């Protein structure tokens, strides 16, 4: 029987060349095959209509598998008298497992009586009967050999026998549909590749390469303005709230910038938190400045990130006319210089580029590069300044960072610290030195001075990092130094800038036994309430009070009040900047707990400190 069927089918195929029905189907295929694939959607539509007309069926539909091949979705259907639509009907393998099983390895599924055919009858109640479908002819749609869908030809009414010529035609239509799908995927992949080459992956804005290309075209075609903006304090946001928060902040910034783009303009992300906008149509400097100012106001109004109301500010650099520049790189360089100048001027500012503005930037960049080199060369060291009790005994020291520069000699923090902090290098400068310092202090406590404590200065950025307490404790543990031998010094203003966010860090330090010292006490904005609420152990009276206290009774009264206030709050008091015997006597008589200053001892290297004070 099987052999006879093969002979019969072979005979049918041989006779197809003279079959008028097949010749009509073949002509329809040839017409479709010659259709250009430029518009895949239009080709699919033509394919569905041609298949329905050629096979004289009421419905031809394209179904695509969802991932896992357990559900198919009707993405397009042609219905006689209705045209092409996209219904989104879904069929699940749970409801029709035999049908889905038959689709695997399918050449053609010809169900003459779909309601009784074992492969299709499970579709009866939910699909076939409601639509009046009597027969089905399904063929696979593949994409580079992988089954991705089904092309379904549906005859309504009574059952229908499918001829061999019709099966061959349907298979050819399925193959043609597969080619269309492959072509569409290749075009989509190429579009995505091109987009990825010239657009920022995080924000979708033009990347640096595309932006510079457009900027250069604008320079050649006529006049325009360039605006470069930077998210003020972005590094602090990212460090405090995490990288995911930082990414969301960048996406929101990009979205708001793009909303301000007019016809013919372009927004781009130049890198990290730097964005650019090519402005066209502005008439003169003042128009460009007004546009930049208005854009800044709109971008920073009511920004909510991760459910938090975030106050974001932007520093903007502006080149109001690009006409006379020789290259796009030069335009962008000057806009970035102006932006850096705006940031240094206090942030949240629009700065127009002016000749000569680049010199401070150049010096700053040179210093940043020199700091990076010095980190690699281990040129940063700690110097120690002794701290004495009121009765003259050594209580410990304050560790002060110094730079042993090979050409410029010993540099103080004022020469480099701000640049190191702004460039994110301060941790690389300071943290590698702590292990050796803590180890040395532990040895002094064990052999020479059991009560010796070390005070360390940290910036507000370092202090607010969530992992800061654990990192500090880990370094101390490895060195064998107990937590109560460490005091962390922070200024009033830096401590209170982000008090709510920093409170957990402060309490983590205090609960571990690390002392917290409020530096420059009396010069900032700390209130008595803050002193009572924060888990401080010590306050340091600023040198500006100490230097005037002997000659000006008013400053002496201020120091006396500060000492009494601190003692009433159970806080220790350290006076810094003591430079004369008279200042020392006044503070000792005033019951100041600890003293520090040039009169008692200047900051010196660790080795010199040991030889001077721990003999």
Protein backbone atom coordinates (compact mmCIF):
# COMPACT_ATOMS: atom_id res chain seq x y z
CA UNK A 1 0.00 0.00 0.00
CA UNK A 2 2.76 2.39 0.97
CA UNK A 3 4.68 1.71 -2.22
CA UNK A 4 1.55 2.22 -4.29
CA UNK A 5 0.97 5.63 -2.70
CA UNK A 6 4.49 6.69 -3.61
CA UNK A 7 3.95 5.61 -7.22
CA UNK A 8 0.66 7.49 -7.34
CA UNK A 9 2.19 10.70 -5.92
CA UNK A 10 5.14 10.44 -8.32
CA UNK A 11 2.78 10.11 -11.21
CA UNK A 12 0.84 13.15 -10.01
CA UNK A 13 4.02 15.20 -9.80
CA UNK A 14 5.14 14.13 -13.31
CA UNK A 15 1.79 15.19 -14.71
CA UNK A 16 1.82 18.62 -12.99
CA UNK A 17 3.50 20.36 -15.94
CA UNK A 18 0.40 19.78 -18.05
CA UNK A 19 -2.11 20.39 -15.25
CA UNK A 20 -3.97 23.72 -15.79
CA UNK A 21 -4.64 23.98 -12.04
CA UNK A 22 -0.95 23.63 -11.25
CA UNK A 23 0.01 26.07 -14.00
CA UNK A 24 -2.21 28.70 -12.35
CA UNK A 25 -0.60 28.03 -8.96
CA UNK A 26 2.86 28.10 -10.52
CA UNK A 27 2.21 31.48 -12.17
CA UNK A 28 1.07 32.89 -8.83
CA UNK A 29 4.32 31.65 -7.25
CA UNK A 30 6.45 33.17 -9.98
CA UNK A 31 4.74 36.53 -9.54
CA UNK A 32 5.38 36.45 -5.80
CA UNK A 33 8.98 35.33 -6.22
CA UNK A 34 9.68 38.38 -8.40
CA UNK A 35 8.32 40.78 -5.77
CA UNK A 36 11.12 42.91 -4.18
CA UNK A 37 11.58 42.40 -0.43
CA UNK A 38 12.18 46.06 0.38
CA UNK A 39 8.95 46.27 2.40
CA UNK A 40 8.61 42.95 4.25
CA UNK A 41 5.19 43.85 5.67
CA UNK A 42 3.80 44.58 2.21
CA UNK A 43 5.29 41.36 0.81
CA UNK A 44 3.69 39.33 3.63
CA UNK A 45 0.35 40.92 2.94
CA UNK A 46 0.64 40.16 -0.80
CA UNK A 47 1.67 36.61 0.01
CA UNK A 48 -1.40 35.95 2.19
CA UNK A 49 -3.78 37.36 -0.42
CA UNK A 50 -2.16 35.46 -3.30
CA UNK A 51 -2.23 32.16 -1.37
CA UNK A 52 -5.91 32.60 -0.51
CA UNK A 53 -6.90 33.44 -4.09
CA UNK A 54 -4.80 30.70 -5.67
CA UNK A 55 -6.03 27.94 -3.33
CA UNK A 56 -9.54 29.39 -3.22
CA UNK A 57 -9.71 29.37 0.57
CA UNK A 58 -11.41 31.89 2.84
CA UNK A 59 -8.58 32.36 5.33
CA UNK A 60 -4.75 32.34 5.22
CA UNK A 61 -2.91 33.26 8.40
CA UNK A 62 0.65 33.57 9.68
CA UNK A 63 1.30 32.26 13.18
CA UNK A 64 4.57 32.73 15.06
CA UNK A 65 5.80 30.72 18.02
CA UNK A 66 6.53 32.33 21.34
CA UNK A 67 9.78 31.25 23.07
CA UNK A 68 9.53 27.61 24.14
CA UNK A 69 7.30 26.65 21.15
CA UNK A 70 4.33 26.05 23.47
CA UNK A 71 2.18 28.93 22.18
CA UNK A 72 1.55 30.32 18.71
CA UNK A 73 0.21 33.80 18.01
CA UNK A 74 -1.61 34.90 14.86
CA UNK A 75 0.35 37.95 13.71
CA UNK A 76 -1.41 38.42 10.36
CA UNK A 77 -4.49 36.98 8.63
CA UNK A 78 -6.23 37.49 5.31
CA UNK A 79 -9.98 36.80 5.34
CA UNK A 80 -12.08 36.90 2.22
CA UNK A 81 -14.16 40.05 2.16
CA UNK A 82 -12.32 41.57 5.15
CA UNK A 83 -8.75 41.97 3.99
CA UNK A 84 -5.63 41.65 6.13
CA UNK A 85 -5.66 42.19 9.90
CA UNK A 86 -3.46 41.44 12.90
CA UNK A 87 -5.71 39.81 15.52
CA UNK A 88 -3.12 38.42 17.96
CA UNK A 89 -5.14 35.21 18.55
CA UNK A 90 -3.24 32.70 20.69
CA UNK A 91 -3.29 28.90 20.71
CA UNK A 92 -1.63 26.90 23.45
CA UNK A 93 -0.02 23.45 23.40
CA UNK A 94 -1.89 22.72 26.64
CA UNK A 95 -5.23 22.79 24.81
CA UNK A 96 -4.03 21.00 21.63
CA UNK A 97 -0.92 18.89 22.37
CA UNK A 98 -1.42 16.57 19.37
CA UNK A 99 -1.57 19.50 16.97
CA UNK A 100 1.60 21.06 18.38
CA UNK A 101 3.35 17.69 18.29
CA UNK A 102 2.47 17.28 14.60
CA UNK A 103 4.04 20.66 13.78
CA UNK A 104 7.52 19.42 14.71
CA UNK A 105 9.41 18.25 11.61
CA UNK A 106 6.41 19.27 9.50
CA UNK A 107 6.54 19.41 5.68
CA UNK A 108 2.82 19.88 5.23
CA UNK A 109 -0.11 19.14 7.50
CA UNK A 110 -3.06 18.42 5.24
CA UNK A 111 -6.24 17.80 7.27
CA UNK A 112 -9.09 17.10 4.87
CA UNK A 113 -11.57 16.92 7.75
CA UNK A 114 -10.07 19.06 10.50
CA UNK A 115 -12.83 18.23 12.99
CA UNK A 116 -12.00 14.51 13.00
CA UNK A 117 -8.31 14.43 11.98
CA UNK A 118 -6.41 13.25 15.10
CA UNK A 119 -3.81 15.98 14.60
CA UNK A 120 -6.30 18.86 14.56
CA UNK A 121 -9.49 17.75 16.29
CA UNK A 122 -8.35 19.15 19.68
CA UNK A 123 -8.77 22.61 18.10
CA UNK A 124 -12.45 21.97 17.40
CA UNK A 125 -14.26 23.60 20.30
CA UNK A 126 -12.06 26.68 20.78
CA UNK A 127 -11.08 27.40 17.20
CA UNK A 128 -12.43 25.31 14.33
CA UNK A 129 -16.17 25.18 15.11
CA UNK A 130 -16.56 28.87 16.08
CA UNK A 131 -14.96 29.88 12.77
CA UNK A 132 -16.64 27.19 10.67
CA UNK A 133 -13.34 25.70 9.49
CA UNK A 134 -13.70 22.31 7.76
CA UNK A 135 -10.19 21.67 6.36
CA UNK A 136 -6.66 22.91 7.08
CA UNK A 137 -3.41 22.95 5.11
CA UNK A 138 -0.49 24.05 7.30
CA UNK A 139 3.16 24.50 6.25
CA UNK A 140 6.18 25.48 8.36
CA UNK A 141 7.85 28.88 8.38
CA UNK A 142 11.54 28.65 9.21
CA UNK A 143 14.25 31.21 9.83
CA UNK A 144 17.72 29.98 8.96
CA UNK A 145 16.56 26.40 9.50
CA UNK A 146 14.80 27.01 12.80
CA UNK A 147 11.02 26.55 13.04
CA UNK A 148 9.50 29.91 13.99
CA UNK A 149 5.93 29.70 12.77
CA UNK A 150 3.14 28.20 10.68
CA UNK A 151 1.41 29.38 7.51
CA UNK A 152 -2.15 28.13 7.80
CA UNK A 153 -4.60 27.80 4.88
CA UNK A 154 -8.14 27.29 6.16
CA UNK A 155 -11.15 26.13 4.15
CA UNK A 156 -14.54 26.96 5.71
CA UNK A 157 -17.61 24.75 5.36
CA UNK A 158 -17.42 21.08 4.47
CA UNK A 159 -14.26 18.92 4.46
CA UNK A 160 -11.89 19.26 1.50
CA UNK A 161 -9.30 16.97 -0.01
CA UNK A 162 -6.00 18.73 -0.67
CA UNK A 163 -4.41 17.94 -4.03
CA UNK A 164 -0.71 17.19 -4.36
CA UNK A 165 -0.33 20.34 -6.46
CA UNK A 166 -1.95 22.36 -3.68
CA UNK A 167 0.37 20.86 -1.09
CA UNK A 168 3.41 21.68 -3.24
CA UNK A 169 2.11 25.18 -3.76
CA UNK A 170 1.51 25.67 -0.02
CA UNK A 171 5.00 24.37 0.79
CA UNK A 172 6.48 26.81 -1.74
CA UNK A 173 4.47 29.66 -0.23
CA UNK A 174 5.81 28.65 3.20
CA UNK A 175 9.37 28.66 1.87
CA UNK A 176 8.83 32.08 0.34
CA UNK A 177 7.41 33.35 3.61
CA UNK A 178 10.52 31.95 5.35
CA UNK A 179 12.73 33.93 2.96
CA UNK A 180 10.78 37.09 3.74
CA UNK A 181 11.20 36.48 7.48
CA UNK A 182 14.94 35.84 7.08
CA UNK A 183 15.34 38.99 5.00
CA UNK A 184 13.44 40.98 7.61
CA UNK A 185 15.63 39.62 10.41
CA UNK A 186 18.81 40.47 8.49
CA UNK A 187 17.59 44.00 7.85
CA UNK A 188 16.56 44.39 11.49
CA UNK A 189 19.93 43.11 12.67
CA UNK A 190 21.71 45.53 10.36
CA UNK A 191 19.58 48.43 11.59
CA UNK A 192 20.32 47.45 15.19
CA UNK A 193 24.03 47.16 14.41
CA UNK A 194 24.08 50.56 12.77
CA UNK A 195 22.13 52.06 15.67
CA UNK A 196 24.52 50.50 18.20
CA UNK A 197 27.51 51.89 16.31
CA UNK A 198 26.25 55.46 16.54
CA UNK A 199 24.04 55.57 19.63
CA UNK A 200 24.63 55.33 23.35
CA UNK A 201 23.44 51.99 24.68
CA UNK A 202 22.16 53.33 28.02
CA UNK A 203 20.25 56.42 26.88
CA UNK A 204 19.64 55.87 23.17
CA UNK A 205 21.08 59.31 22.36
CA UNK A 206 23.66 59.88 19.64
CA UNK A 207 27.09 58.76 20.81
CA UNK A 208 30.26 60.82 20.57
CA UNK A 209 31.13 59.58 17.06
CA UNK A 210 27.73 60.40 15.53
CA UNK A 211 27.47 63.70 17.38
CA UNK A 212 30.89 64.88 16.17
CA UNK A 213 29.99 63.90 12.61
CA UNK A 214 26.77 65.94 12.76
CA UNK A 215 28.56 68.80 14.48
CA UNK A 216 31.15 68.92 11.72
CA UNK A 217 28.41 68.96 9.07
CA UNK A 218 26.67 71.82 10.88
CA UNK A 219 29.99 73.71 11.01
CA UNK A 220 30.36 73.42 7.23
CA UNK A 221 26.71 74.10 6.36
CA UNK A 222 26.18 77.25 8.40
CA UNK A 223 26.12 78.62 11.91
CA UNK A 224 24.89 76.87 15.04
CA UNK A 225 25.61 76.79 18.78
CA UNK A 226 26.90 73.96 20.97
CA UNK A 227 25.79 73.33 24.52
CA UNK A 228 27.55 70.84 26.81
CA UNK A 229 26.05 70.01 30.19
CA UNK A 230 27.19 67.93 33.14
CA UNK A 231 25.15 66.49 36.03
CA UNK A 232 26.46 68.27 39.12
CA UNK A 233 27.59 65.82 41.79
CA UNK A 234 26.76 62.76 39.69
CA UNK A 235 29.61 60.79 41.24
CA UNK A 236 28.24 61.46 44.70
CA UNK A 237 24.75 60.30 43.67
CA UNK A 238 26.12 57.10 42.14
CA UNK A 239 28.33 56.30 45.12
CA UNK A 240 25.62 57.04 47.68
CA UNK A 241 22.68 55.29 45.97
CA UNK A 242 24.41 52.74 43.75
CA UNK A 243 25.10 52.29 40.02
CA UNK A 244 21.49 51.39 39.13
CA UNK A 245 20.32 54.73 40.56
CA UNK A 246 23.06 56.48 38.59
CA UNK A 247 21.97 54.80 35.35
CA UNK A 248 18.36 55.82 35.94
CA UNK A 249 19.45 59.39 36.61
CA UNK A 250 21.36 59.42 33.31
CA UNK A 251 18.36 58.02 31.41
CA UNK A 252 16.04 60.63 32.91
CA UNK A 253 18.53 63.37 32.05
CA UNK A 254 18.73 62.10 28.46
CA UNK A 255 14.94 61.95 28.18
CA UNK A 256 14.51 65.54 29.35
CA UNK A 257 17.31 66.75 27.10
CA UNK A 258 15.71 65.03 24.10
CA UNK A 259 12.37 66.67 24.91
CA UNK A 260 14.08 70.02 24.40
CA UNK A 261 15.38 69.14 20.93
CA UNK A 262 13.92 71.12 18.05
CA UNK A 263 13.78 70.25 14.35
CA UNK A 264 17.26 69.90 12.89
CA UNK A 265 18.96 69.67 16.30
CA UNK A 266 20.69 66.72 17.92
CA UNK A 267 21.25 65.58 21.50
CA UNK A 268 24.09 63.24 22.42
CA UNK A 269 25.88 61.63 25.32
CA UNK A 270 29.59 62.36 25.23
CA UNK A 271 30.55 60.05 28.09
CA UNK A 272 29.63 59.28 31.71
CA UNK A 273 27.44 62.21 32.87
CA UNK A 274 28.33 64.62 30.05
CA UNK A 275 25.69 65.46 27.43
CA UNK A 276 25.68 67.77 24.43
CA UNK A 277 23.03 69.56 22.38
CA UNK A 278 23.54 71.06 18.93
CA UNK A 279 21.39 74.20 18.75
CA UNK A 280 20.20 75.67 15.45
CA UNK A 281 18.26 78.80 14.66
CA UNK A 282 19.44 80.86 17.64
CA UNK A 283 20.05 84.48 16.64
CA UNK A 284 23.04 85.73 18.59
CA UNK A 285 24.68 85.08 21.91
CA UNK A 286 21.80 86.18 24.11
CA UNK A 287 19.33 83.88 22.33
CA UNK A 288 21.68 80.94 22.85
CA UNK A 289 22.19 81.81 26.53
CA UNK A 290 18.44 82.15 27.07
CA UNK A 291 17.84 78.80 25.39
CA UNK A 292 20.46 77.15 27.62
CA UNK A 293 19.00 78.77 30.74
CA UNK A 294 15.44 77.72 29.88
CA UNK A 295 16.57 74.17 29.11
CA UNK A 296 18.42 73.90 32.42
CA UNK A 297 15.35 75.05 34.35
CA UNK A 298 13.06 72.54 32.62
CA UNK A 299 15.47 69.65 33.06
CA UNK A 300 15.96 70.05 36.79
CA UNK A 301 12.33 70.70 37.73
CA UNK A 302 10.70 67.93 39.76
CA UNK A 303 13.04 65.06 38.92
CA UNK A 304 12.01 61.81 40.62
CA UNK A 305 14.43 58.88 40.56
CA UNK A 306 13.51 55.52 42.08
CA UNK A 307 10.55 57.12 43.83
CA UNK A 308 12.76 59.78 45.41
CA UNK A 309 12.45 63.50 44.77
CA UNK A 310 16.02 64.33 43.72
CA UNK A 311 17.39 67.84 43.42
CA UNK A 312 19.56 67.61 40.33
CA UNK A 313 21.50 70.58 39.02
CA UNK A 314 23.44 71.05 35.80
CA UNK A 315 26.55 73.01 34.85
CA UNK A 316 26.40 74.15 31.23
CA UNK A 317 29.12 75.28 28.86
CA UNK A 318 28.13 77.16 25.71
CA UNK A 319 29.84 77.95 22.41
CA UNK A 320 27.31 80.39 20.91
CA UNK A 321 28.72 80.26 17.38
CA UNK A 322 30.61 77.40 15.69
CA UNK A 323 31.09 79.14 12.33
CA UNK A 324 34.78 80.03 12.67
CA UNK A 325 36.05 76.70 14.02
CA UNK A 326 38.26 74.38 11.99
CA UNK A 327 36.98 71.11 13.43
CA UNK A 328 34.19 69.60 15.48
CA UNK A 329 36.74 68.41 18.06
CA UNK A 330 37.79 72.01 18.70
CA UNK A 331 34.18 73.11 19.19
CA UNK A 332 33.49 70.32 21.66
CA UNK A 333 36.76 71.02 23.50
CA UNK A 334 35.85 74.67 24.08
CA UNK A 335 32.29 73.83 25.17
CA UNK A 336 33.71 71.31 27.66
CA UNK A 337 36.16 73.92 28.96
CA UNK A 338 33.27 76.34 29.50
CA UNK A 339 31.29 73.61 31.25
CA UNK A 340 34.20 72.86 33.59
CA UNK A 341 34.46 76.57 34.33
CA UNK A 342 30.75 76.66 35.19
CA UNK A 343 31.19 73.71 37.55
CA UNK A 344 34.14 75.38 39.32
CA UNK A 345 32.17 78.61 39.64
CA UNK A 346 29.73 76.87 41.94
CA UNK A 347 27.71 74.59 39.64
CA UNK A 348 24.13 75.14 38.45
CA UNK A 349 25.44 77.77 36.04
CA UNK A 350 25.66 78.61 32.30
CA UNK A 351 29.12 79.69 31.14
CA UNK A 352 29.97 81.05 27.67
CA UNK A 353 33.37 80.04 26.36
CA UNK A 354 35.93 82.85 26.35
CA UNK A 355 39.49 82.91 25.08
CA UNK A 356 42.02 82.06 27.83
CA UNK A 357 39.50 80.00 29.77
CA UNK A 358 41.35 76.82 28.87
CA UNK A 359 44.48 77.57 30.94
CA UNK A 360 43.06 76.66 34.39
CA UNK A 361 41.57 73.52 32.87
CA UNK A 362 44.91 72.59 31.37
CA UNK A 363 46.64 73.06 34.74
CA UNK A 364 43.96 71.04 36.48
CA UNK A 365 44.24 68.18 34.00
CA UNK A 366 48.01 68.21 34.33
CA UNK A 367 47.68 68.02 38.12
CA UNK A 368 45.18 65.15 37.85
CA UNK A 369 47.59 63.26 35.58
CA UNK A 370 50.43 63.97 38.03
CA UNK A 371 48.32 62.61 40.92
CA UNK A 372 47.71 59.40 38.97
CA UNK A 373 51.43 59.05 38.35
CA UNK A 374 52.18 59.73 42.02
CA UNK A 375 49.75 57.02 43.13
CA UNK A 376 51.63 54.50 41.00
CA UNK A 377 54.96 55.78 42.34
CA UNK A 378 53.79 55.66 46.01
CA UNK A 379 54.66 59.32 46.58
CA UNK A 380 51.82 59.98 49.04
CA UNK A 381 52.59 59.54 52.74
CA UNK A 382 51.09 60.30 56.14
CA UNK A 383 52.70 62.85 58.45
CA UNK A 384 51.65 62.84 62.09
CA UNK A 385 51.01 65.80 64.36
CA UNK A 386 51.00 64.97 68.10
CA UNK A 387 47.94 65.51 70.31
CA UNK A 388 48.55 66.03 74.05
CA UNK A 389 46.33 65.85 77.08
CA UNK A 390 45.90 68.90 79.32
CA UNK A 391 48.57 67.53 81.67
CA UNK A 392 51.09 67.25 78.80
CA UNK A 393 50.96 63.51 78.13
CA UNK A 394 50.92 62.17 74.57
CA UNK A 395 47.42 60.94 73.72
CA UNK A 396 47.90 60.25 70.03
CA UNK A 397 48.24 62.03 66.71
CA UNK A 398 46.36 63.31 63.69
CA UNK A 399 47.36 61.72 60.38
CA UNK A 400 47.75 64.33 57.64
CA UNK A 401 48.30 63.40 53.99
CA UNK A 402 51.40 64.76 52.23
CA UNK A 403 52.80 64.43 48.71
CA UNK A 404 56.55 63.87 48.40
CA UNK A 405 56.80 65.34 44.90
CA UNK A 406 60.05 64.58 43.07
CA UNK A 407 60.32 68.14 41.64
CA UNK A 408 58.17 70.38 43.84
CA UNK A 409 59.13 68.94 47.22
CA UNK A 410 56.71 68.25 50.06
CA UNK A 411 53.19 69.35 49.06
CA UNK A 412 50.37 70.09 51.51
CA UNK A 413 46.75 68.97 50.96
CA UNK A 414 45.80 72.45 49.76
CA UNK A 415 47.99 71.86 46.70
CA UNK A 416 46.23 68.72 45.46
CA UNK A 417 43.41 67.43 47.67
CA UNK A 418 40.47 69.14 45.92
CA UNK A 419 41.52 67.88 42.49
CA UNK A 420 42.07 64.38 43.90
CA UNK A 421 38.57 64.43 45.41
CA UNK A 422 36.85 65.87 42.32
CA UNK A 423 38.51 63.33 40.03
CA UNK A 424 37.60 60.37 42.25
CA UNK A 425 41.26 59.66 43.10
CA UNK A 426 41.21 60.48 46.81
CA UNK A 427 40.49 56.92 47.89
CA UNK A 428 43.42 55.69 45.80
CA UNK A 429 45.61 58.30 47.49
CA UNK A 430 44.58 57.57 51.07
CA UNK A 431 43.32 54.01 51.52
CA UNK A 432 46.54 52.19 50.51
CA UNK A 433 48.39 54.04 53.32
CA UNK A 434 45.99 53.13 56.14
CA UNK A 435 47.11 49.54 56.62
CA UNK A 436 50.74 50.45 57.39
CA UNK A 437 49.66 53.39 59.56
CA UNK A 438 47.26 51.30 61.63
CA UNK A 439 49.88 48.57 61.98
CA UNK A 440 52.41 51.08 63.31
CA UNK A 441 49.90 52.54 65.77
CA UNK A 442 49.07 49.02 67.01
CA UNK A 443 52.78 48.38 67.67
CA UNK A 444 53.14 51.68 69.57
CA UNK A 445 50.12 50.86 71.72
CA UNK A 446 51.54 47.44 72.49
CA UNK A 447 55.12 48.54 73.29
CA UNK A 448 55.21 52.23 74.17
CA UNK A 449 51.91 54.08 74.58
CA UNK A 450 48.82 51.95 75.40
CA UNK A 451 46.38 54.85 75.08
CA UNK A 452 47.69 56.14 71.73
CA UNK A 453 44.84 56.98 69.33
CA UNK A 454 45.01 58.07 65.71
CA UNK A 455 42.72 60.68 64.10
CA UNK A 456 42.05 60.44 60.35
CA UNK A 457 40.43 62.98 58.03
CA UNK A 458 37.97 61.73 55.41
CA UNK A 459 36.13 63.76 52.79
CA UNK A 460 32.34 63.98 52.79
CA UNK A 461 32.22 61.87 49.62
CA UNK A 462 34.23 59.05 51.22
CA UNK A 463 32.28 59.33 54.44
CA UNK A 464 28.90 58.87 52.77
CA UNK A 465 29.76 55.65 50.96
CA UNK A 466 27.64 52.79 52.29
CA UNK A 467 30.63 50.45 52.63
CA UNK A 468 32.88 52.98 54.34
CA UNK A 469 32.52 51.74 57.98
CA UNK A 470 33.09 48.09 57.08
CA UNK A 471 36.07 48.93 54.89
CA UNK A 472 37.66 50.98 57.68
CA UNK A 473 37.02 48.29 60.27
CA UNK A 474 38.48 45.61 57.98
CA UNK A 475 41.74 47.56 57.59
CA UNK A 476 41.96 48.05 61.37
CA UNK A 477 41.25 44.38 62.03
CA UNK A 478 43.99 43.22 59.67
CA UNK A 479 46.43 45.60 61.38
CA UNK A 480 45.45 44.46 64.87
CA UNK A 481 44.24 47.92 65.89
CA UNK A 482 41.09 48.16 68.04
CA UNK A 483 38.28 50.39 66.78
CA UNK A 484 38.40 52.63 69.86
CA UNK A 485 41.95 53.66 68.88
CA UNK A 486 40.59 55.38 65.74
CA UNK A 487 38.87 58.74 65.44
CA UNK A 488 37.29 59.87 62.18
CA UNK A 489 37.34 63.64 61.66
CA UNK A 490 34.73 65.39 59.54
CA UNK A 491 33.85 69.07 59.21
CA UNK A 492 30.57 70.50 60.38
CA UNK A 493 29.32 71.40 56.91
CA UNK A 494 30.30 68.12 55.22
CA UNK A 495 28.69 66.12 58.03
CA UNK A 496 25.43 68.01 57.88
CA UNK A 497 25.04 68.32 54.08
CA UNK A 498 23.40 64.92 53.71
CA UNK A 499 22.58 64.17 57.31
CA UNK A 500 19.63 61.84 56.72
CA UNK A 501 21.54 59.73 54.20
CA UNK A 502 24.69 59.65 56.34
CA UNK A 503 23.03 58.81 59.64
CA UNK A 504 23.32 55.04 59.18
CA UNK A 505 27.03 55.39 58.39
CA UNK A 506 27.59 57.57 61.46
CA UNK A 507 25.82 55.13 63.77
CA UNK A 508 27.65 52.17 62.23
CA UNK A 509 30.97 53.83 63.07
CA UNK A 510 29.88 54.69 66.59
CA UNK A 511 28.43 51.25 67.32
CA UNK A 512 31.73 49.66 66.24
CA UNK A 513 33.60 51.83 68.74
CA UNK A 514 35.21 54.26 66.27
CA UNK A 515 35.28 57.82 67.55
CA UNK A 516 33.63 60.58 65.55
CA UNK A 517 35.18 64.02 65.84
CA UNK A 518 33.57 67.21 64.59
CA UNK A 519 36.39 69.25 63.04
CA UNK A 520 36.53 73.08 62.78
CA UNK A 521 33.84 73.34 65.45
CA UNK A 522 32.19 76.74 65.56
CA UNK A 523 32.82 77.69 61.92
CA UNK A 524 29.97 75.82 60.24
CA UNK A 525 26.24 75.38 60.63
CA UNK A 526 25.91 72.68 63.25
CA UNK A 527 23.23 73.43 65.79
CA UNK A 528 23.06 72.33 69.42
CA UNK A 529 20.34 69.88 68.35
CA UNK A 530 22.73 68.29 65.86
CA UNK A 531 25.40 67.94 68.55
CA UNK A 532 22.92 66.18 70.81
CA UNK A 533 21.54 63.87 68.11
CA UNK A 534 24.74 62.73 66.40
CA UNK A 535 26.87 60.07 68.15
CA UNK A 536 29.94 62.32 68.43
CA UNK A 537 32.79 61.67 70.82
CA UNK A 538 34.85 64.84 70.33
CA UNK A 539 34.71 68.35 68.93
CA UNK A 540 37.74 70.30 67.68
CA UNK A 541 37.82 74.05 68.27
CA UNK A 542 38.95 75.72 65.08
CA UNK A 543 42.32 77.50 64.92
CA UNK A 544 40.59 80.75 63.88
CA UNK A 545 39.24 81.07 67.45
CA UNK A 546 42.45 79.92 69.13
CA UNK A 547 44.66 82.39 67.24
CA UNK A 548 42.61 85.39 68.46
CA UNK A 549 41.61 84.25 71.94
CA UNK A 550 44.58 85.74 73.87
CA UNK A 551 44.32 89.22 72.34
CA UNK A 552 40.56 89.46 71.97
CA UNK A 553 38.46 88.63 75.08
CA UNK A 554 35.42 88.00 72.89
CA UNK A 555 37.10 85.02 71.24
CA UNK A 556 38.27 83.81 74.63
CA UNK A 557 34.64 83.91 75.79
CA UNK A 558 33.54 81.98 72.69
CA UNK A 559 36.11 79.23 73.39
CA UNK A 560 35.04 79.06 77.03
CA UNK A 561 31.40 78.71 75.96
CA UNK A 562 32.20 76.04 73.39
CA UNK A 563 34.17 73.99 75.92
CA UNK A 564 31.41 74.23 78.53
CA UNK A 565 28.76 73.32 75.94
CA UNK A 566 30.71 70.27 74.76
CA UNK A 567 31.34 69.07 78.30
CA UNK A 568 27.66 69.44 79.14
CA UNK A 569 26.95 67.15 76.19
CA UNK A 570 29.59 64.65 77.43
CA UNK A 571 31.89 65.42 74.49
CA UNK A 572 35.65 65.73 74.62
CA UNK A 573 37.30 68.93 73.36
CA UNK A 574 40.46 69.29 71.27
CA UNK A 575 41.93 72.72 70.51
CA UNK A 576 43.96 72.91 67.30
CA UNK A 577 46.29 75.60 66.00
CA UNK A 578 48.08 76.33 69.31
CA UNK A 579 51.16 78.35 68.36
CA UNK A 580 52.17 80.23 71.54
CA UNK A 581 52.70 79.46 75.26
CA UNK A 582 49.98 81.98 76.11
CA UNK A 583 47.42 80.14 74.00
CA UNK A 584 48.43 76.85 75.63
CA UNK A 585 48.03 78.31 79.17
CA UNK A 586 44.66 79.84 78.38
CA UNK A 587 43.26 76.57 76.99
CA UNK A 588 44.71 74.48 79.83
CA UNK A 589 43.19 76.84 82.38
CA UNK A 590 39.91 76.66 80.45
CA UNK A 591 39.73 72.88 80.94
CA UNK A 592 40.25 71.99 77.28
CA UNK A 593 40.83 68.21 77.21
CA UNK A 594 43.45 67.92 74.45
CA UNK A 595 45.86 70.26 72.66
CA UNK A 596 47.35 70.31 69.18
CA UNK A 597 49.43 72.87 67.27
CA UNK A 598 52.87 73.98 66.04
CA UNK A 599 53.86 75.10 69.53
CA UNK A 600 53.52 71.51 70.71
CA UNK A 601 54.71 69.73 67.58
CA UNK A 602 54.60 70.12 63.82
CA UNK A 603 53.44 67.33 61.48
CA UNK A 604 56.41 65.06 60.73
CA UNK A 605 57.05 61.72 59.05
CA UNK A 606 56.11 58.56 60.95
CA UNK A 607 59.76 57.70 61.58
CA UNK A 608 60.54 61.18 62.88
CA UNK A 609 57.40 61.17 65.01
CA UNK A 610 58.53 57.95 66.69
CA UNK A 611 62.02 59.28 67.37
CA UNK A 612 60.67 62.56 68.79
CA UNK A 613 57.69 61.47 70.86
CA UNK A 614 57.95 57.72 71.45
CA UNK A 615 61.59 57.22 72.39
